[in-house]
Amino acid sequence: MNPIFTAAIDKPVLEKKIRILFPSDYFDVKKVEPDYQEEYDAVSLLPIYEPIFFNYDEFVSGSEVKLYPKDAATGLCIYRGWMLTPVQYKELYDSLLAKGITLINSPEQYNACHLFSNVYDSIEQFTPKCLFFAQGTVIDWALVNKTFKRFMVKDYVKSVKGSDFPAYFETPVDPAEMDRRINEFIELRGDLFTGGIALKEFVELKKYGNTTNEHRVFYIYGNKLSIGQNSDQLEGCGHGPDIVPGIGALKSNYYTVDFAELLDGTSIVIETGDGQVSGLPPGQDMFMYYYALSKRIEKTQEVFDMLDKEQKGFLLKNAGLIYESATEDLFNKPNAMLWICLMVYGEECQLEADDDPRFDCVRLSLAEQIMEIIYVNDPGDWDD
């Protein structure tokens, strides 16, 4: 048995309700923050969800987490709100866990896609070249000059916007001048500065008029959940992203990947994020999104319930066999076993333009899927 898989299974903590934690209105903890009103309205239409609130501003200022309602049910919870630093997220996670509420991503899983430095090795071949320098580290400008023709400055999460800070720099650069620029960048990011400095190759994106062609893809438990235009594209602008293999097996239960179209029409990954703090794309049908999200979580629970009783041992024993027949090399991904289980199940629940959220696209039952894959690849083991 591959020990990776025994530690990879991340069973959802699902009871009768899925809690959605929203920031509250600053002046009234019983109301949702107006920026999340549309999402709250959609959640409120689906009986599986229980919306709960907390005062985000008080929390990030150092106050303890106070929920409304105070007697919120225990179990699985998804935070939908503004970004939190890794330290703040851990505080929120631990505080909720003490109340019997479990956020969908652990602090480690939050950091896995929220901090681009953590995910870079997994997607290096699909994204522009990056160099990372932890906070307080002296930047090797000779290496930078050798590595890039043009580069942009970010921290481990974001760049600066709404200022005259340059979009990119051309090499060779002067070390003293760039040290001054880096200090300027850190000051502009202020309290939002996270992790360290990320220097990223600047690439030209294809434009349609003044608009680039970018898409945000949400993933839940290793499966694509939704694809949405993310740069206010004009109608008929370009095409959807080329989804690359393995992107659905990053070290997180709920995350986003942002794709952009290059001048030659191919797609690259420009950013990843934790799904809880990533905004839904403009024009997203909120009801369809939350409907599909609930169905994916429910199906994941069903998979695990059945595997616990009948098939988990066999899948663990034969994971390599099933993997070889079905997907690319994901053995080093912590969610590989989960990804395989969901793939075997055959439930997609993806949001495409013409999807009807009431349509159940399960092709075969779990048992039939497992039997088919096992029998085709190694019929001799089925009778065991």
Protein backbone atom coordinates (compact mmCIF):
# COMPACT_ATOMS: atom_id res chain seq x y z
CA MET A 1 0.00 0.00 0.00
CA ASN A 2 1.32 3.41 -0.91
CA PRO A 3 1.41 5.41 2.37
CA ILE A 4 0.69 8.62 0.49
CA PHE A 5 -2.88 7.52 -0.04
CA THR A 6 -3.62 6.66 3.58
CA ALA A 7 -2.87 10.26 4.51
CA ALA A 8 -4.44 11.78 1.42
CA ILE A 9 -8.08 11.07 2.17
CA ASP A 10 -9.68 14.24 3.44
CA LYS A 11 -13.24 13.26 4.28
CA PRO A 12 -15.72 16.13 4.27
CA VAL A 13 -17.30 16.85 7.63
CA LEU A 14 -20.87 16.96 6.35
CA GLU A 15 -24.01 16.62 8.40
CA LYS A 16 -27.43 18.02 7.41
CA LYS A 17 -26.22 21.54 6.69
CA ILE A 18 -23.23 23.25 5.11
CA ARG A 19 -22.43 26.50 6.87
CA ILE A 20 -21.36 29.49 4.74
CA LEU A 21 -19.49 32.07 6.80
CA PHE A 22 -19.89 35.62 5.48
CA PRO A 23 -18.52 38.92 6.80
CA SER A 24 -21.32 40.82 8.48
CA ASP A 25 -22.37 44.39 7.96
CA TYR A 26 -20.00 46.47 10.08
CA PHE A 27 -22.85 48.00 12.10
CA ASP A 28 -25.13 44.96 12.33
CA VAL A 29 -23.75 41.45 12.84
CA LYS A 30 -27.19 40.04 11.94
CA LYS A 31 -26.86 41.26 8.34
CA VAL A 32 -24.48 40.25 5.57
CA GLU A 33 -21.80 42.65 4.35
CA PRO A 34 -23.33 44.35 1.24
CA ASP A 35 -20.46 43.17 -1.00
CA TYR A 36 -21.69 39.59 -0.43
CA GLN A 37 -25.43 40.24 -0.63
CA GLU A 38 -25.86 38.41 -3.97
CA GLU A 39 -24.05 35.34 -2.71
CA TYR A 40 -26.06 35.40 0.51
CA ASP A 41 -29.32 35.63 -1.46
CA ALA A 42 -28.35 32.56 -3.52
CA VAL A 43 -27.30 30.58 -0.46
CA SER A 44 -30.57 31.44 1.28
CA LEU A 45 -32.54 29.79 -1.55
CA LEU A 46 -30.86 26.42 -1.00
CA PRO A 47 -32.00 24.55 2.14
CA ILE A 48 -28.69 22.66 2.52
CA TYR A 49 -26.90 25.87 3.47
CA GLU A 50 -26.88 27.71 6.79
CA PRO A 51 -25.47 31.25 6.40
CA ILE A 52 -23.64 32.58 9.44
CA PHE A 53 -21.89 35.91 10.03
CA PHE A 54 -18.94 37.43 11.87
CA ASN A 55 -17.52 40.94 12.08
CA TYR A 56 -14.50 40.77 9.78
CA ASP A 57 -13.13 44.19 10.73
CA GLU A 58 -13.18 43.45 14.44
CA PHE A 59 -11.58 40.05 13.86
CA VAL A 60 -8.64 41.35 11.77
CA SER A 61 -8.17 44.07 14.40
CA GLY A 62 -7.53 41.41 17.01
CA SER A 63 -10.94 40.65 18.52
CA GLU A 64 -12.15 37.09 19.04
CA VAL A 65 -14.51 35.52 16.53
CA LYS A 66 -18.14 36.18 17.45
CA LEU A 67 -20.69 34.34 15.32
CA TYR A 68 -24.28 35.12 14.54
CA PRO A 69 -26.29 33.14 15.27
CA LYS A 70 -24.35 32.14 18.36
CA ASP A 71 -25.77 28.61 18.27
CA ALA A 72 -24.66 27.86 14.69
CA ALA A 73 -24.65 24.14 13.99
CA THR A 74 -21.37 22.26 14.02
CA GLY A 75 -19.84 20.59 10.97
CA LEU A 76 -18.46 21.66 7.61
CA CYS A 77 -18.10 25.39 6.93
CA ILE A 78 -17.00 27.39 3.90
CA TYR A 79 -15.76 30.93 4.43
CA ARG A 80 -16.76 33.36 1.69
CA GLY A 81 -15.14 36.69 2.37
CA TRP A 82 -12.14 38.95 1.98
CA MET A 83 -8.58 37.71 2.05
CA LEU A 84 -6.91 36.78 5.29
CA THR A 85 -3.20 36.51 5.99
CA PRO A 86 -1.98 32.99 6.81
CA VAL A 87 -1.82 33.93 10.49
CA GLN A 88 -5.34 35.36 10.46
CA TYR A 89 -6.73 32.33 8.66
CA LYS A 90 -5.20 29.97 11.21
CA GLU A 91 -6.74 32.03 14.02
CA LEU A 92 -10.13 31.86 12.33
CA TYR A 93 -9.77 28.12 11.66
CA ASP A 94 -8.75 27.33 15.25
CA SER A 95 -11.47 29.53 16.73
CA LEU A 96 -14.19 27.87 14.66
CA LEU A 97 -12.80 24.39 15.32
CA ALA A 98 -13.12 25.05 19.05
CA LYS A 99 -16.83 25.66 18.39
CA GLY A 100 -17.15 22.38 16.48
CA ILE A 101 -17.11 24.06 13.06
CA THR A 102 -14.55 22.88 10.47
CA LEU A 103 -13.50 25.10 7.59
CA ILE A 104 -13.21 23.23 4.30
CA ASN A 105 -9.49 24.01 4.05
CA SER A 106 -7.01 23.55 6.88
CA PRO A 107 -4.46 26.35 7.38
CA GLU A 108 -1.94 24.31 5.39
CA GLN A 109 -4.42 23.89 2.53
CA TYR A 110 -5.27 27.58 2.61
CA ASN A 111 -1.60 28.48 2.25
CA ALA A 112 -1.10 25.88 -0.49
CA CYS A 113 -2.85 27.94 -3.16
CA HIS A 114 -3.14 31.36 -1.50
CA LEU A 115 0.66 31.75 -1.48
CA PHE A 116 1.92 31.42 -5.04
CA SER A 117 5.35 30.36 -3.77
CA ASN A 118 3.77 27.19 -2.36
CA VAL A 119 2.02 26.12 -5.55
CA TYR A 120 4.66 27.20 -8.06
CA ASP A 121 6.58 23.90 -8.19
CA SER A 122 3.36 22.04 -9.06
CA ILE A 123 2.46 24.32 -11.97
CA GLU A 124 5.89 25.58 -13.07
CA GLN A 125 5.53 24.27 -16.62
CA PHE A 126 2.20 26.09 -17.06
CA THR A 127 3.05 29.53 -15.66
CA PRO A 128 5.64 32.28 -16.28
CA LYS A 129 9.03 31.91 -14.62
CA CYS A 130 9.20 33.16 -11.01
CA LEU A 131 11.89 33.86 -8.43
CA PHE A 132 10.93 34.07 -4.76
CA PHE A 133 12.74 35.91 -1.98
CA ALA A 134 11.37 35.47 1.55
CA GLN A 135 10.73 38.57 3.61
CA GLY A 136 14.03 39.96 4.88
CA THR A 137 16.09 38.10 2.26
CA VAL A 138 18.57 40.04 0.15
CA ILE A 139 17.46 39.90 -3.48
CA ASP A 140 20.08 38.56 -5.89
CA TRP A 141 19.78 41.14 -8.67
CA ALA A 142 22.55 39.48 -10.70
CA LEU A 143 20.37 36.35 -10.82
CA VAL A 144 17.36 38.46 -11.74
CA ASN A 145 19.24 40.10 -14.61
CA LYS A 146 20.32 36.67 -15.83
CA THR A 147 16.83 35.13 -15.55
CA PHE A 148 14.48 37.73 -17.03
CA LYS A 149 14.21 40.16 -19.90
CA ARG A 150 11.19 41.76 -18.27
CA PHE A 151 9.66 41.03 -14.89
CA MET A 152 6.92 42.26 -12.58
CA VAL A 153 7.01 42.65 -8.80
CA LYS A 154 4.49 40.95 -6.52
CA ASP A 155 4.43 39.60 -3.01
CA TYR A 156 3.50 35.95 -2.49
CA VAL A 157 -0.18 36.83 -3.06
CA LYS A 158 -0.74 40.01 -5.08
CA SER A 159 0.78 42.94 -6.95
CA VAL A 160 -0.07 46.58 -6.27
CA LYS A 161 -2.92 48.23 -8.13
CA GLY A 162 -4.26 51.74 -8.27
CA SER A 163 -0.82 53.37 -8.13
CA ASP A 164 1.90 54.51 -10.53
CA PHE A 165 4.17 51.61 -9.53
CA PRO A 166 5.57 50.18 -12.81
CA ALA A 167 3.74 47.22 -14.35
CA TYR A 168 7.12 45.68 -15.21
CA PHE A 169 10.86 46.33 -15.26
CA GLU A 170 13.36 45.62 -18.04
CA THR A 171 16.75 44.09 -17.34
CA PRO A 172 19.49 44.82 -16.69
CA VAL A 173 18.37 46.66 -13.57
CA ASP A 174 20.46 48.64 -11.10
CA PRO A 175 20.51 46.87 -7.70
CA ALA A 176 20.40 50.06 -5.63
CA GLU A 177 17.50 51.47 -7.64
CA MET A 178 15.59 48.19 -7.44
CA ASP A 179 16.12 47.92 -3.67
CA ARG A 180 14.48 51.34 -3.43
CA ARG A 181 11.63 50.15 -5.66
CA ILE A 182 11.12 47.03 -3.55
CA ASN A 183 10.83 49.13 -0.39
CA GLU A 184 8.30 51.31 -2.21
CA PHE A 185 6.32 48.19 -3.17
CA ILE A 186 6.28 46.93 0.43
CA GLU A 187 5.04 50.31 1.64
CA LEU A 188 2.27 50.33 -0.97
CA ARG A 189 1.11 46.85 0.07
CA GLY A 190 1.12 47.90 3.72
CA ASP A 191 -0.57 45.43 6.06
CA LEU A 192 -1.50 43.29 3.05
CA PHE A 193 2.14 42.47 2.28
CA THR A 194 2.46 38.69 2.56
CA GLY A 195 5.33 36.23 2.58
CA GLY A 196 8.05 37.94 0.59
CA ILE A 197 8.90 39.22 -2.87
CA ALA A 198 7.93 37.30 -6.01
CA LEU A 199 9.58 38.42 -9.24
CA LYS A 200 7.58 37.08 -12.16
CA GLU A 201 8.38 37.00 -15.86
CA PHE A 202 6.28 39.58 -17.67
CA VAL A 203 4.45 38.08 -20.66
CA GLU A 204 2.27 39.72 -23.26
CA LEU A 205 -1.39 38.71 -23.12
CA LYS A 206 -3.61 38.75 -26.16
CA LYS A 207 -6.02 41.68 -26.17
CA TYR A 208 -9.40 42.14 -27.77
CA GLY A 209 -9.74 45.89 -27.92
CA ASN A 210 -8.48 46.93 -24.50
CA THR A 211 -9.50 43.65 -22.83
CA THR A 212 -7.45 40.56 -22.10
CA ASN A 213 -9.02 37.10 -22.19
CA GLU A 214 -8.86 35.69 -18.67
CA HIS A 215 -10.89 32.97 -16.95
CA ARG A 216 -11.20 31.84 -13.34
CA VAL A 217 -11.74 28.14 -12.66
CA PHE A 218 -13.01 26.93 -9.28
CA TYR A 219 -12.08 23.43 -8.08
CA ILE A 220 -13.74 21.48 -5.28
CA TYR A 221 -12.27 18.21 -3.99
CA GLY A 222 -10.11 17.83 -7.08
CA ASN A 223 -12.87 18.45 -9.63
CA LYS A 224 -13.59 21.44 -11.83
CA LEU A 225 -16.64 23.22 -10.48
CA SER A 226 -17.04 26.36 -12.62
CA ILE A 227 -15.38 28.39 -15.35
CA GLY A 228 -16.08 32.09 -15.68
CA GLN A 229 -14.75 35.02 -17.68
CA ASN A 230 -12.69 37.07 -15.28
CA SER A 231 -11.63 40.21 -17.12
CA ASP A 232 -14.87 41.77 -18.34
CA GLN A 233 -14.32 40.36 -21.82
CA LEU A 234 -16.38 41.58 -24.71
CA GLU A 235 -18.91 39.12 -26.12
CA GLY A 236 -17.18 36.62 -28.38
CA CYS A 237 -13.78 37.49 -26.97
CA GLY A 238 -11.33 34.65 -27.61
CA HIS A 239 -12.03 31.21 -26.20
CA GLY A 240 -12.08 29.40 -22.90
CA PRO A 241 -8.85 28.30 -21.24
CA ASP A 242 -6.89 25.20 -22.13
CA ILE A 243 -7.26 23.25 -18.87
CA VAL A 244 -3.95 21.51 -18.24
CA PRO A 245 -3.69 18.01 -16.69
CA GLY A 246 -2.96 17.88 -12.99
CA ILE A 247 -4.37 21.32 -12.16
CA GLY A 248 -7.26 19.55 -10.45
CA ALA A 249 -4.93 17.84 -7.98
CA LEU A 250 -3.34 20.68 -6.03
CA LYS A 251 -2.91 20.54 -2.27
CA SER A 252 -6.27 22.03 -1.36
CA ASN A 253 -9.92 21.01 -1.13
CA TYR A 254 -11.31 24.25 -2.57
CA TYR A 255 -9.25 26.60 -4.73
CA THR A 256 -9.11 28.67 -7.89
CA VAL A 257 -6.81 28.84 -10.90
CA ASP A 258 -6.74 31.89 -13.18
CA PHE A 259 -5.88 31.37 -16.84
CA ALA A 260 -5.04 33.93 -19.52
CA GLU A 261 -4.65 33.77 -23.30
CA LEU A 262 -1.21 34.50 -24.77
CA LEU A 263 -0.55 36.17 -28.12
CA ASP A 264 -0.31 32.76 -29.82
CA GLY A 265 -3.73 31.69 -28.52
CA THR A 266 -2.47 29.25 -25.88
CA SER A 267 -3.33 29.51 -22.19
CA ILE A 268 -1.11 30.03 -19.15
CA VAL A 269 -1.77 30.02 -15.43
CA ILE A 270 -1.36 33.53 -14.05
CA GLU A 271 -2.59 33.06 -10.49
CA THR A 272 -4.01 30.61 -7.97
CA GLY A 273 -6.04 31.29 -4.87
CA ASP A 274 -7.94 29.76 -2.01
CA GLY A 275 -11.54 29.23 -3.08
CA GLN A 276 -12.91 30.85 0.06
CA VAL A 277 -11.34 34.25 -0.63
CA SER A 278 -11.49 34.24 -4.44
CA GLY A 279 -14.20 36.40 -5.95
CA LEU A 280 -16.77 34.85 -8.26
CA PRO A 281 -16.31 36.06 -11.85
CA PRO A 282 -18.48 38.92 -13.13
CA GLY A 283 -21.78 37.61 -14.47
CA GLN A 284 -21.60 34.36 -12.50
CA ASP A 285 -25.01 32.82 -11.84
CA MET A 286 -24.82 32.67 -8.05
CA PHE A 287 -27.61 30.15 -7.62
CA MET A 288 -26.11 27.72 -10.14
CA TYR A 289 -22.70 28.06 -8.53
CA TYR A 290 -23.90 27.27 -5.01
CA TYR A 291 -26.19 24.53 -6.25
CA ALA A 292 -23.30 22.79 -8.01
CA LEU A 293 -21.04 23.32 -4.99
CA SER A 294 -23.53 21.62 -2.68
CA LYS A 295 -23.98 18.69 -5.08
CA ARG A 296 -20.24 18.15 -5.36
CA ILE A 297 -19.87 18.08 -1.58
CA GLU A 298 -22.84 15.73 -1.21
CA LYS A 299 -21.45 13.37 -3.86
CA THR A 300 -18.03 13.44 -2.22
CA GLN A 301 -19.63 12.42 1.06
CA GLU A 302 -21.48 9.58 -0.67
CA VAL A 303 -18.23 8.36 -2.22
CA PHE A 304 -16.47 8.27 1.12
CA ASP A 305 -19.37 6.63 2.89
CA MET A 306 -19.40 3.82 0.36
CA LEU A 307 -15.64 3.48 0.26
CA ASP A 308 -15.48 3.25 4.03
CA LYS A 309 -17.85 0.30 3.96
CA GLU A 310 -16.90 -1.61 0.81
CA GLN A 311 -14.15 -0.39 -1.44
CA LYS A 312 -11.56 1.75 0.35
CA GLY A 313 -9.21 -1.13 1.10
CA PHE A 314 -9.31 -2.39 -2.46
CA LEU A 315 -8.74 1.07 -3.91
CA LEU A 316 -5.81 1.68 -1.56
CA LYS A 317 -4.30 -1.67 -2.51
CA ASN A 318 -4.80 -1.11 -6.24
CA ALA A 319 -4.52 2.67 -6.50
CA GLY A 320 -1.53 2.42 -8.84
CA LEU A 321 -3.43 0.10 -11.17
CA ILE A 322 -6.47 2.39 -11.32
CA TYR A 323 -4.33 5.48 -11.70
CA GLU A 324 -2.34 4.03 -14.60
CA SER A 325 -5.54 3.40 -16.53
CA ALA A 326 -7.12 6.74 -15.88
CA THR A 327 -4.89 9.75 -15.37
CA GLU A 328 -1.48 11.37 -15.45
CA ASP A 329 1.15 11.14 -12.71
CA LEU A 330 -0.46 12.45 -9.55
CA PHE A 331 1.26 10.18 -7.03
CA ASN A 332 3.05 13.09 -5.39
CA LYS A 333 -0.14 15.08 -4.91
CA PRO A 334 -1.64 14.78 -1.43
CA ASN A 335 -5.17 14.64 -2.80
CA ALA A 336 -4.36 11.95 -5.36
CA MET A 337 -6.46 9.24 -3.70
CA LEU A 338 -9.39 11.60 -3.29
CA TRP A 339 -9.05 12.68 -6.92
CA ILE A 340 -9.07 9.05 -8.06
CA CYS A 341 -12.13 8.22 -5.95
CA LEU A 342 -14.10 11.11 -7.40
CA MET A 343 -12.93 10.33 -10.91
CA VAL A 344 -14.11 6.74 -10.45
CA TYR A 345 -17.48 7.98 -9.29
CA GLY A 346 -18.07 9.75 -12.61
CA GLU A 347 -20.00 12.74 -11.28
CA GLU A 348 -18.92 15.97 -12.97
CA CYS A 349 -21.25 18.72 -11.69
CA GLN A 350 -19.45 21.34 -13.79
CA LEU A 351 -20.98 24.70 -14.60
CA GLU A 352 -21.07 25.24 -18.34
CA ALA A 353 -23.12 27.82 -20.19
CA ASP A 354 -26.03 25.53 -21.05
CA ASP A 355 -26.08 23.37 -17.90
CA ASP A 356 -29.35 22.88 -16.06
CA PRO A 357 -28.57 22.69 -12.31
CA ARG A 358 -31.35 20.12 -11.86
CA PHE A 359 -29.74 17.71 -14.32
CA ASP A 360 -28.02 14.75 -12.70
CA CYS A 361 -25.18 13.67 -14.98
CA VAL A 362 -24.06 10.60 -13.08
CA ARG A 363 -23.36 7.99 -15.73
CA LEU A 364 -22.90 4.92 -13.56
CA SER A 365 -23.22 4.11 -9.91
CA LEU A 366 -20.07 4.04 -7.82
CA ALA A 367 -20.09 0.26 -7.61
CA GLU A 368 -20.51 -0.11 -11.38
CA GLN A 369 -17.71 2.34 -12.08
CA ILE A 370 -15.32 0.60 -9.71
CA MET A 371 -16.26 -2.82 -11.04
CA GLU A 372 -15.76 -1.71 -14.63
CA ILE A 373 -12.32 -0.20 -14.06
CA ILE A 374 -11.10 -3.05 -11.89
CA TYR A 375 -12.42 -5.77 -14.19
CA VAL A 376 -11.00 -4.24 -17.36
CA ASN A 377 -7.54 -3.83 -15.85
CA ASP A 378 -7.21 -6.87 -13.61
CA PRO A 379 -10.23 -9.21 -13.72
CA GLY A 380 -8.37 -11.80 -11.69
CA ASP A 381 -8.51 -9.64 -8.54
CA TRP A 382 -12.26 -8.99 -8.62
CA ASP A 383 -13.23 -12.28 -7.00
CA ASP A 384 -10.88 -11.61 -4.09
